[in-house]
Amino acid sequence: MTYREMDEEFHCMKSEFGLTNAQAEVLELLWLKEEEENDGYTDDELEQELGWLHQTLSARRRELVQKGFVKDSGKKRPTRSGRGATVWMSVSGTV
């Protein structure tokens, strides 16, 4: 899928499923990482990428989990502090 196709699909999905701009921004980053590297992000990595506070990012990511767009990949990666953190990915079929 090209970036343009992904962007069009992303905007359609945002409208159809009532995602907020912040939720859509998190989901789009996950899609791009998966498309380019077949990998996801930890909350810590998303916080760094977006420049958001932990409370803001984790709340938006949790909402996406509750809506069925994001899931635990089963992998862990160390955070900046060295703690193991869940790697999040989009749910298959939402990309």
PDB file of N, CA and C in Angstrom:
ATOM      1  N   MET A   1       0.853  -1.179   0.000  1.00  0.00           N
ATOM      2  CA  MET A   1       0.000   0.000   0.000  1.00  0.00           C
ATOM      3  C   MET A   1       0.897   1.241   0.000  1.00  0.00           C
ATOM      4  N   THR A   2       0.588   2.191  -0.855  1.00  0.00           N
ATOM      5  CA  THR A   2       1.379   3.422  -0.891  1.00  0.00           C
ATOM      6  C   THR A   2       0.963   4.348   0.244  1.00  0.00           C
ATOM      7  N   TYR A   3       1.805   5.339   0.517  1.00  0.00           N
ATOM      8  CA  TYR A   3       1.467   6.308   1.565  1.00  0.00           C
ATOM      9  C   TYR A   3       0.168   7.029   1.218  1.00  0.00           C
ATOM     10  N   ARG A   4      -0.006   7.395  -0.062  1.00  0.00           N
ATOM     11  CA  ARG A   4      -1.226   8.110  -0.479  1.00  0.00           C
ATOM     12  C   ARG A   4      -2.471   7.250  -0.245  1.00  0.00           C
ATOM     13  N   GLU A   5      -2.408   5.973  -0.603  1.00  0.00           N
ATOM     14  CA  GLU A   5      -3.533   5.066  -0.375  1.00  0.00           C
ATOM     15  C   GLU A   5      -3.805   4.922   1.115  1.00  0.00           C
ATOM     16  N   MET A   6      -2.729   4.809   1.901  1.00  0.00           N
ATOM     17  CA  MET A   6      -2.873   4.684   3.342  1.00  0.00           C
ATOM     18  C   MET A   6      -3.498   5.947   3.931  1.00  0.00           C
ATOM     19  N   ASP A   7      -3.076   7.107   3.422  1.00  0.00           N
ATOM     20  CA  ASP A   7      -3.591   8.378   3.912  1.00  0.00           C
ATOM     21  C   ASP A   7      -5.079   8.507   3.601  1.00  0.00           C
ATOM     22  N   GLU A   8      -5.495   8.116   2.406  1.00  0.00           N
ATOM     23  CA  GLU A   8      -6.911   8.169   2.037  1.00  0.00           C
ATOM     24  C   GLU A   8      -7.733   7.217   2.908  1.00  0.00           C
ATOM     25  N   GLU A   9      -7.222   6.006   3.096  1.00  0.00           N
ATOM     26  CA  GLU A   9      -7.912   5.027   3.933  1.00  0.00           C
ATOM     27  C   GLU A   9      -8.011   5.530   5.375  1.00  0.00           C
ATOM     28  N   PHE A  10      -6.941   6.133   5.832  1.00  0.00           N
ATOM     29  CA  PHE A  10      -6.870   6.679   7.184  1.00  0.00           C
ATOM     30  C   PHE A  10      -7.958   7.734   7.397  1.00  0.00           C
ATOM     31  N   HIS A  11      -8.109   8.667   6.461  1.00  0.00           N
ATOM     32  CA  HIS A  11      -9.094   9.731   6.609  1.00  0.00           C
ATOM     33  C   HIS A  11     -10.522   9.195   6.532  1.00  0.00           C
ATOM     34  N   CYS A  12     -10.756   8.201   5.691  1.00  0.00           N
ATOM     35  CA  CYS A  12     -12.075   7.568   5.626  1.00  0.00           C
ATOM     36  C   CYS A  12     -12.395   6.874   6.950  1.00  0.00           C
ATOM     37  N   MET A  13     -11.421   6.153   7.475  1.00  0.00           N
ATOM     38  CA  MET A  13     -11.625   5.428   8.723  1.00  0.00           C
ATOM     39  C   MET A  13     -11.857   6.401   9.883  1.00  0.00           C
ATOM     40  N   LYS A  14     -11.123   7.481   9.902  1.00  0.00           N
ATOM     41  CA  LYS A  14     -11.269   8.486  10.962  1.00  0.00           C
ATOM     42  C   LYS A  14     -12.709   8.983  11.002  1.00  0.00           C
ATOM     43  N   SER A  15     -13.262   9.313   9.856  1.00  0.00           N
ATOM     44  CA  SER A  15     -14.639   9.800   9.784  1.00  0.00           C
ATOM     45  C   SER A  15     -15.634   8.699  10.129  1.00  0.00           C
ATOM     46  N   GLU A  16     -15.440   7.542   9.521  1.00  0.00           N
ATOM     47  CA  GLU A  16     -16.390   6.439   9.700  1.00  0.00           C
ATOM     48  C   GLU A  16     -16.481   5.963  11.143  1.00  0.00           C
ATOM     49  N   PHE A  17     -15.350   5.908  11.835  1.00  0.00           N
ATOM     50  CA  PHE A  17     -15.335   5.356  13.181  1.00  0.00           C
ATOM     51  C   PHE A  17     -15.262   6.409  14.273  1.00  0.00           C
ATOM     52  N   GLY A  18     -15.344   7.656  13.901  1.00  0.00           N
ATOM     53  CA  GLY A  18     -15.405   8.728  14.895  1.00  0.00           C
ATOM     54  C   GLY A  18     -14.145   8.874  15.731  1.00  0.00           C
ATOM     55  N   LEU A  19     -12.987   8.698  15.102  1.00  0.00           N
ATOM     56  CA  LEU A  19     -11.740   8.877  15.841  1.00  0.00           C
ATOM     57  C   LEU A  19     -11.441  10.360  16.013  1.00  0.00           C
ATOM     58  N   THR A  20     -10.903  10.718  17.165  1.00  0.00           N
ATOM     59  CA  THR A  20     -10.457  12.091  17.375  1.00  0.00           C
ATOM     60  C   THR A  20      -9.165  12.306  16.591  1.00  0.00           C
ATOM     61  N   ASN A  21      -8.769  13.552  16.423  1.00  0.00           N
ATOM     62  CA  ASN A  21      -7.509  13.839  15.739  1.00  0.00           C
ATOM     63  C   ASN A  21      -6.339  13.180  16.453  1.00  0.00           C
ATOM     64  N   ALA A  22      -6.343  13.225  17.782  1.00  0.00           N
ATOM     65  CA  ALA A  22      -5.242  12.639  18.553  1.00  0.00           C
ATOM     66  C   ALA A  22      -5.204  11.119  18.388  1.00  0.00           C
ATOM     67  N   GLN A  23      -6.362  10.465  18.450  1.00  0.00           N
ATOM     68  CA  GLN A  23      -6.405   9.014  18.250  1.00  0.00           C
ATOM     69  C   GLN A  23      -5.917   8.669  16.843  1.00  0.00           C
ATOM     70  N   ALA A  24      -6.364   9.431  15.868  1.00  0.00           N
ATOM     71  CA  ALA A  24      -5.972   9.185  14.485  1.00  0.00           C
ATOM     72  C   ALA A  24      -4.472   9.366  14.292  1.00  0.00           C
ATOM     73  N   GLU A  25      -3.891  10.336  14.969  1.00  0.00           N
ATOM     74  CA  GLU A  25      -2.453  10.572  14.860  1.00  0.00           C
ATOM     75  C   GLU A  25      -1.654   9.384  15.393  1.00  0.00           C
ATOM     76  N   VAL A  26      -2.090   8.831  16.512  1.00  0.00           N
ATOM     77  CA  VAL A  26      -1.421   7.655  17.090  1.00  0.00           C
ATOM     78  C   VAL A  26      -1.562   6.470  16.143  1.00  0.00           C
ATOM     79  N   LEU A  27      -2.765   6.228  15.644  1.00  0.00           N
ATOM     80  CA  LEU A  27      -3.005   5.094  14.753  1.00  0.00           C
ATOM     81  C   LEU A  27      -2.206   5.230  13.461  1.00  0.00           C
ATOM     82  N   GLU A  28      -2.126   6.432  12.924  1.00  0.00           N
ATOM     83  CA  GLU A  28      -1.368   6.639  11.695  1.00  0.00           C
ATOM     84  C   GLU A  28       0.116   6.326  11.901  1.00  0.00           C
ATOM     85  N   LEU A  29       0.679   6.731  13.044  1.00  0.00           N
ATOM     86  CA  LEU A  29       2.085   6.409  13.331  1.00  0.00           C
ATOM     87  C   LEU A  29       2.297   4.900  13.396  1.00  0.00           C
ATOM     88  N   LEU A  30       1.371   4.195  14.046  1.00  0.00           N
ATOM     89  CA  LEU A  30       1.483   2.734  14.117  1.00  0.00           C
ATOM     90  C   LEU A  30       1.425   2.127  12.724  1.00  0.00           C
ATOM     91  N   TRP A  31       0.517   2.600  11.894  1.00  0.00           N
ATOM     92  CA  TRP A  31       0.411   2.081  10.522  1.00  0.00           C
ATOM     93  C   TRP A  31       1.708   2.283   9.765  1.00  0.00           C
ATOM     94  N   LEU A  32       2.258   3.486   9.847  1.00  0.00           N
ATOM     95  CA  LEU A  32       3.481   3.789   9.104  1.00  0.00           C
ATOM     96  C   LEU A  32       4.643   2.914   9.557  1.00  0.00           C
ATOM     97  N   LYS A  33       4.786   2.728  10.860  1.00  0.00           N
ATOM     98  CA  LYS A  33       5.879   1.901  11.393  1.00  0.00           C
ATOM     99  C   LYS A  33       5.717   0.451  10.940  1.00  0.00           C
ATOM    100  N   GLU A  34       4.480  -0.035  10.972  1.00  0.00           N
ATOM    101  CA  GLU A  34       4.224  -1.412  10.540  1.00  0.00           C
ATOM    102  C   GLU A  34       4.484  -1.571   9.049  1.00  0.00           C
ATOM    103  N   GLU A  35       4.083  -0.591   8.276  1.00  0.00           N
ATOM    104  CA  GLU A  35       4.273  -0.651   6.824  1.00  0.00           C
ATOM    105  C   GLU A  35       5.761  -0.640   6.471  1.00  0.00           C
ATOM    106  N   GLU A  36       6.530   0.199   7.163  1.00  0.00           N
ATOM    107  CA  GLU A  36       7.949   0.362   6.847  1.00  0.00           C
ATOM    108  C   GLU A  36       8.835  -0.703   7.488  1.00  0.00           C
ATOM    109  N   GLU A  37       8.520  -1.097   8.719  1.00  0.00           N
ATOM    110  CA  GLU A  37       9.434  -1.963   9.469  1.00  0.00           C
ATOM    111  C   GLU A  37       8.789  -3.233  10.016  1.00  0.00           C
ATOM    112  N   ASN A  38       7.497  -3.444   9.762  1.00  0.00           N
ATOM    113  CA  ASN A  38       6.781  -4.580  10.331  1.00  0.00           C
ATOM    114  C   ASN A  38       6.987  -4.654  11.839  1.00  0.00           C
ATOM    115  N   ASP A  39       6.848  -3.507  12.487  1.00  0.00           N
ATOM    116  CA  ASP A  39       7.068  -3.385  13.924  1.00  0.00           C
ATOM    117  C   ASP A  39       6.075  -2.375  14.483  1.00  0.00           C
ATOM    118  N   GLY A  40       5.960  -2.318  15.800  1.00  0.00           N
ATOM    119  CA  GLY A  40       5.083  -1.364  16.457  1.00  0.00           C
ATOM    120  C   GLY A  40       5.871  -0.394  17.312  1.00  0.00           C
ATOM    121  N   TYR A  41       5.169   0.255  18.224  1.00  0.00           N
ATOM    122  CA  TYR A  41       5.759   1.235  19.134  1.00  0.00           C
ATOM    123  C   TYR A  41       5.389   0.897  20.572  1.00  0.00           C
ATOM    124  N   THR A  42       6.276   1.226  21.486  1.00  0.00           N
ATOM    125  CA  THR A  42       5.913   1.250  22.900  1.00  0.00           C
ATOM    126  C   THR A  42       5.286   2.614  23.179  1.00  0.00           C
ATOM    127  N   ASP A  43       4.603   2.752  24.309  1.00  0.00           N
ATOM    128  CA  ASP A  43       4.076   4.068  24.677  1.00  0.00           C
ATOM    129  C   ASP A  43       5.214   5.079  24.770  1.00  0.00           C
ATOM    130  N   ASP A  44       6.331   4.664  25.337  1.00  0.00           N
ATOM    131  CA  ASP A  44       7.481   5.555  25.500  1.00  0.00           C
ATOM    132  C   ASP A  44       7.971   6.059  24.136  1.00  0.00           C
ATOM    133  N   GLU A  45       8.052   5.176  23.161  1.00  0.00           N
ATOM    134  CA  GLU A  45       8.493   5.565  21.815  1.00  0.00           C
ATOM    135  C   GLU A  45       7.490   6.512  21.153  1.00  0.00           C
ATOM    136  N   LEU A  46       6.186   6.230  21.330  1.00  0.00           N
ATOM    137  CA  LEU A  46       5.166   7.115  20.784  1.00  0.00           C
ATOM    138  C   LEU A  46       5.225   8.496  21.439  1.00  0.00           C
ATOM    139  N   GLU A  47       5.440   8.527  22.751  1.00  0.00           N
ATOM    140  CA  GLU A  47       5.571   9.807  23.462  1.00  0.00           C
ATOM    141  C   GLU A  47       6.706  10.632  22.872  1.00  0.00           C
ATOM    142  N   GLN A  48       7.840   9.990  22.628  1.00  0.00           N
ATOM    143  CA  GLN A  48       8.991  10.690  22.054  1.00  0.00           C
ATOM    144  C   GLN A  48       8.699  11.163  20.637  1.00  0.00           C
ATOM    145  N   GLU A  49       8.084  10.299  19.841  1.00  0.00           N
ATOM    146  CA  GLU A  49       7.792  10.617  18.443  1.00  0.00           C
ATOM    147  C   GLU A  49       6.823  11.798  18.321  1.00  0.00           C
ATOM    148  N   LEU A  50       5.795  11.804  19.169  1.00  0.00           N
ATOM    149  CA  LEU A  50       4.763  12.837  19.093  1.00  0.00           C
ATOM    150  C   LEU A  50       5.054  14.051  19.974  1.00  0.00           C
ATOM    151  N   GLY A  51       5.957  13.900  20.949  1.00  0.00           N
ATOM    152  CA  GLY A  51       6.239  14.990  21.872  1.00  0.00           C
ATOM    153  C   GLY A  51       5.123  15.197  22.886  1.00  0.00           C
ATOM    154  N   TRP A  52       4.381  14.134  23.189  1.00  0.00           N
ATOM    155  CA  TRP A  52       3.249  14.214  24.111  1.00  0.00           C
ATOM    156  C   TRP A  52       3.662  13.749  25.502  1.00  0.00           C
ATOM    157  N   LEU A  53       2.899  14.168  26.502  1.00  0.00           N
ATOM    158  CA  LEU A  53       3.068  13.668  27.860  1.00  0.00           C
ATOM    159  C   LEU A  53       2.569  12.225  27.929  1.00  0.00           C
ATOM    160  N   HIS A  54       3.107  11.467  28.887  1.00  0.00           N
ATOM    161  CA  HIS A  54       2.712  10.061  29.039  1.00  0.00           C
ATOM    162  C   HIS A  54       1.202   9.926  29.235  1.00  0.00           C
ATOM    163  N   GLN A  55       0.629  10.778  30.088  1.00  0.00           N
ATOM    164  CA  GLN A  55      -0.801  10.671  30.389  1.00  0.00           C
ATOM    165  C   GLN A  55      -1.658  10.867  29.138  1.00  0.00           C
ATOM    166  N   THR A  56      -1.263  11.784  28.289  1.00  0.00           N
ATOM    167  CA  THR A  56      -2.015  12.051  27.057  1.00  0.00           C
ATOM    168  C   THR A  56      -1.918  10.875  26.102  1.00  0.00           C
ATOM    169  N   LEU A  57      -0.689  10.417  25.880  1.00  0.00           N
ATOM    170  CA  LEU A  57      -0.482   9.329  24.923  1.00  0.00           C
ATOM    171  C   LEU A  57      -1.129   8.040  25.393  1.00  0.00           C
ATOM    172  N   SER A  58      -0.895   7.650  26.626  1.00  0.00           N
ATOM    173  CA  SER A  58      -1.422   6.365  27.097  1.00  0.00           C
ATOM    174  C   SER A  58      -2.956   6.364  27.091  1.00  0.00           C
ATOM    175  N   ALA A  59      -3.578   7.503  27.347  1.00  0.00           N
ATOM    176  CA  ALA A  59      -5.045   7.585  27.302  1.00  0.00           C
ATOM    177  C   ALA A  59      -5.552   7.393  25.879  1.00  0.00           C
ATOM    178  N   ARG A  60      -4.919   8.039  24.901  1.00  0.00           N
ATOM    179  CA  ARG A  60      -5.347   7.897  23.500  1.00  0.00           C
ATOM    180  C   ARG A  60      -5.110   6.478  23.001  1.00  0.00           C
ATOM    181  N   ARG A  61      -3.964   5.893  23.338  1.00  0.00           N
ATOM    182  CA  ARG A  61      -3.675   4.521  22.921  1.00  0.00           C
ATOM    183  C   ARG A  61      -4.666   3.556  23.564  1.00  0.00           C
ATOM    184  N   ARG A  62      -4.992   3.755  24.837  1.00  0.00           N
ATOM    185  CA  ARG A  62      -5.962   2.894  25.526  1.00  0.00           C
ATOM    186  C   ARG A  62      -7.332   2.976  24.852  1.00  0.00           C
ATOM    187  N   GLU A  63      -7.740   4.162  24.455  1.00  0.00           N
ATOM    188  CA  GLU A  63      -9.012   4.322  23.751  1.00  0.00           C
ATOM    189  C   GLU A  63      -9.011   3.523  22.446  1.00  0.00           C
ATOM    190  N   LEU A  64      -7.883   3.534  21.749  1.00  0.00           N
ATOM    191  CA  LEU A  64      -7.771   2.770  20.500  1.00  0.00           C
ATOM    192  C   LEU A  64      -7.824   1.270  20.758  1.00  0.00           C
ATOM    193  N   VAL A  65      -7.258   0.831  21.878  1.00  0.00           N
ATOM    194  CA  VAL A  65      -7.352  -0.588  22.260  1.00  0.00           C
ATOM    195  C   VAL A  65      -8.816  -0.924  22.521  1.00  0.00           C
ATOM    196  N   GLN A  66      -9.500  -0.082  23.282  1.00  0.00           N
ATOM    197  CA  GLN A  66     -10.911  -0.327  23.608  1.00  0.00           C
ATOM    198  C   GLN A  66     -11.807  -0.340  22.368  1.00  0.00           C
ATOM    199  N   LYS A  67     -11.460   0.468  21.366  1.00  0.00           N
ATOM    200  CA  LYS A  67     -12.237   0.512  20.124  1.00  0.00           C
ATOM    201  C   LYS A  67     -11.868  -0.623  19.169  1.00  0.00           C
ATOM    202  N   GLY A  68     -10.825  -1.389  19.499  1.00  0.00           N
ATOM    203  CA  GLY A  68     -10.443  -2.531  18.682  1.00  0.00           C
ATOM    204  C   GLY A  68      -9.473  -2.223  17.550  1.00  0.00           C
ATOM    205  N   PHE A  69      -8.829  -1.056  17.582  1.00  0.00           N
ATOM    206  CA  PHE A  69      -7.888  -0.683  16.530  1.00  0.00           C
ATOM    207  C   PHE A  69      -6.440  -1.043  16.849  1.00  0.00           C
ATOM    208  N   VAL A  70      -6.126  -1.199  18.125  1.00  0.00           N
ATOM    209  CA  VAL A  70      -4.746  -1.435  18.563  1.00  0.00           C
ATOM    210  C   VAL A  70      -4.729  -2.608  19.531  1.00  0.00           C
ATOM    211  N   LYS A  71      -3.641  -3.397  19.451  1.00  0.00           N
ATOM    212  CA  LYS A  71      -3.508  -4.557  20.338  1.00  0.00           C
ATOM    213  C   LYS A  71      -2.061  -4.695  20.817  1.00  0.00           C
ATOM    214  N   ASP A  72      -1.902  -5.438  21.880  1.00  0.00           N
ATOM    215  CA  ASP A  72      -0.598  -5.823  22.416  1.00  0.00           C
ATOM    216  C   ASP A  72       0.007  -6.814  21.425  1.00  0.00           C
ATOM    217  N   SER A  73       1.223  -6.534  20.955  1.00  0.00           N
ATOM    218  CA  SER A  73       1.872  -7.411  19.970  1.00  0.00           C
ATOM    219  C   SER A  73       2.435  -8.684  20.596  1.00  0.00           C
ATOM    220  N   GLY A  74       2.504  -8.709  21.932  1.00  0.00           N
ATOM    221  CA  GLY A  74       3.127  -9.838  22.616  1.00  0.00           C
ATOM    222  C   GLY A  74       4.621  -9.633  22.820  1.00  0.00           C
ATOM    223  N   LYS A  75       5.160  -8.527  22.307  1.00  0.00           N
ATOM    224  CA  LYS A  75       6.585  -8.207  22.448  1.00  0.00           C
ATOM    225  C   LYS A  75       6.772  -7.146  23.518  1.00  0.00           C
ATOM    226  N   LYS A  76       7.979  -7.104  24.052  1.00  0.00           N
ATOM    227  CA  LYS A  76       8.378  -6.064  25.008  1.00  0.00           C
ATOM    228  C   LYS A  76       9.689  -5.458  24.522  1.00  0.00           C
ATOM    229  N   ARG A  77       9.867  -4.159  24.830  1.00  0.00           N
ATOM    230  CA  ARG A  77      11.122  -3.463  24.536  1.00  0.00           C
ATOM    231  C   ARG A  77      11.430  -2.548  25.698  1.00  0.00           C
ATOM    232  N   PRO A  78      12.713  -2.294  25.957  1.00  0.00           N
ATOM    233  CA  PRO A  78      13.041  -1.405  27.072  1.00  0.00           C
ATOM    234  C   PRO A  78      12.681   0.056  26.771  1.00  0.00           C
ATOM    235  N   THR A  79      12.217   0.738  27.814  1.00  0.00           N
ATOM    236  CA  THR A  79      11.945   2.175  27.725  1.00  0.00           C
ATOM    237  C   THR A  79      13.247   2.938  27.977  1.00  0.00           C
ATOM    238  N   ARG A  80      13.161   4.271  27.958  1.00  0.00           N
ATOM    239  CA  ARG A  80      14.337   5.091  28.263  1.00  0.00           C
ATOM    240  C   ARG A  80      14.877   4.797  29.652  1.00  0.00           C
ATOM    241  N   SER A  81      14.001   4.397  30.570  1.00  0.00           N
ATOM    242  CA  SER A  81      14.435   4.095  31.941  1.00  0.00           C
ATOM    243  C   SER A  81      14.877   2.647  32.110  1.00  0.00           C
ATOM    244  N   GLY A  82      14.750   1.839  31.031  1.00  0.00           N
ATOM    245  CA  GLY A  82      15.195   0.455  31.082  1.00  0.00           C
ATOM    246  C   GLY A  82      14.122  -0.561  31.418  1.00  0.00           C
ATOM    247  N   ARG A  83      12.921  -0.104  31.726  1.00  0.00           N
ATOM    248  CA  ARG A  83      11.828  -1.034  32.037  1.00  0.00           C
ATOM    249  C   ARG A  83      11.282  -1.654  30.756  1.00  0.00           C
ATOM    250  N   GLY A  84      10.808  -2.896  30.864  1.00  0.00           N
ATOM    251  CA  GLY A  84      10.193  -3.561  29.720  1.00  0.00           C
ATOM    252  C   GLY A  84       8.823  -2.975  29.444  1.00  0.00           C
ATOM    253  N   ALA A  85       8.541  -2.621  28.193  1.00  0.00           N
ATOM    254  CA  ALA A  85       7.263  -2.013  27.832  1.00  0.00           C
ATOM    255  C   ALA A  85       6.615  -2.778  26.689  1.00  0.00           C
ATOM    256  N   THR A  86       5.310  -2.827  26.709  1.00  0.00           N
ATOM    257  CA  THR A  86       4.528  -3.474  25.658  1.00  0.00           C
ATOM    258  C   THR A  86       4.732  -2.769  24.330  1.00  0.00           C
ATOM    259  N   VAL A  87       4.897  -3.552  23.274  1.00  0.00           N
ATOM    260  CA  VAL A  87       4.945  -3.013  21.915  1.00  0.00           C
ATOM    261  C   VAL A  87       3.528  -3.139  21.358  1.00  0.00           C
ATOM    262  N   TRP A  88       2.969  -2.002  20.932  1.00  0.00           N
ATOM    263  CA  TRP A  88       1.599  -1.931  20.417  1.00  0.00           C
ATOM    264  C   TRP A  88       1.606  -1.932  18.898  1.00  0.00           C
ATOM    265  N   MET A  89       0.596  -2.606  18.304  1.00  0.00           N
ATOM    266  CA  MET A  89       0.446  -2.639  16.851  1.00  0.00           C
ATOM    267  C   MET A  89      -1.038  -2.472  16.518  1.00  0.00           C
ATOM    268  N   SER A  90      -1.315  -2.097  15.280  1.00  0.00           N
ATOM    269  CA  SER A  90      -2.709  -2.016  14.862  1.00  0.00           C
ATOM    270  C   SER A  90      -3.250  -3.435  14.711  1.00  0.00           C
ATOM    271  N   VAL A  91      -4.553  -3.563  14.861  1.00  0.00           N
ATOM    272  CA  VAL A  91      -5.207  -4.861  14.730  1.00  0.00           C
ATOM    273  C   VAL A  91      -5.239  -5.220  13.247  1.00  0.00           C
ATOM    274  N   SER A  92      -4.908  -6.453  12.932  1.00  0.00           N
ATOM    275  CA  SER A  92      -4.896  -6.922  11.539  1.00  0.00           C
ATOM    276  C   SER A  92      -6.251  -6.638  10.905  1.00  0.00           C
ATOM    277  N   GLY A  93      -6.194  -6.097   9.705  1.00  0.00           N
ATOM    278  CA  GLY A  93      -7.424  -5.758   9.009  1.00  0.00           C
ATOM    279  C   GLY A  93      -7.792  -4.296   9.123  1.00  0.00           C
ATOM    280  N   THR A  94      -7.141  -3.561  10.052  1.00  0.00           N
ATOM    281  CA  THR A  94      -7.433  -2.130  10.154  1.00  0.00           C
ATOM    282  C   THR A  94      -6.414  -1.333   9.379  1.00  0.00           C
ATOM    283  N   VAL A  95      -5.400  -1.990   8.821  1.00  0.00           N
ATOM    284  CA  VAL A  95      -4.403  -1.283   8.022  1.00  0.00           C
ATOM    285  C   VAL A  95      -4.780  -1.390   6.571  1.00  0.00           C
TER     286      VAL A  95
END
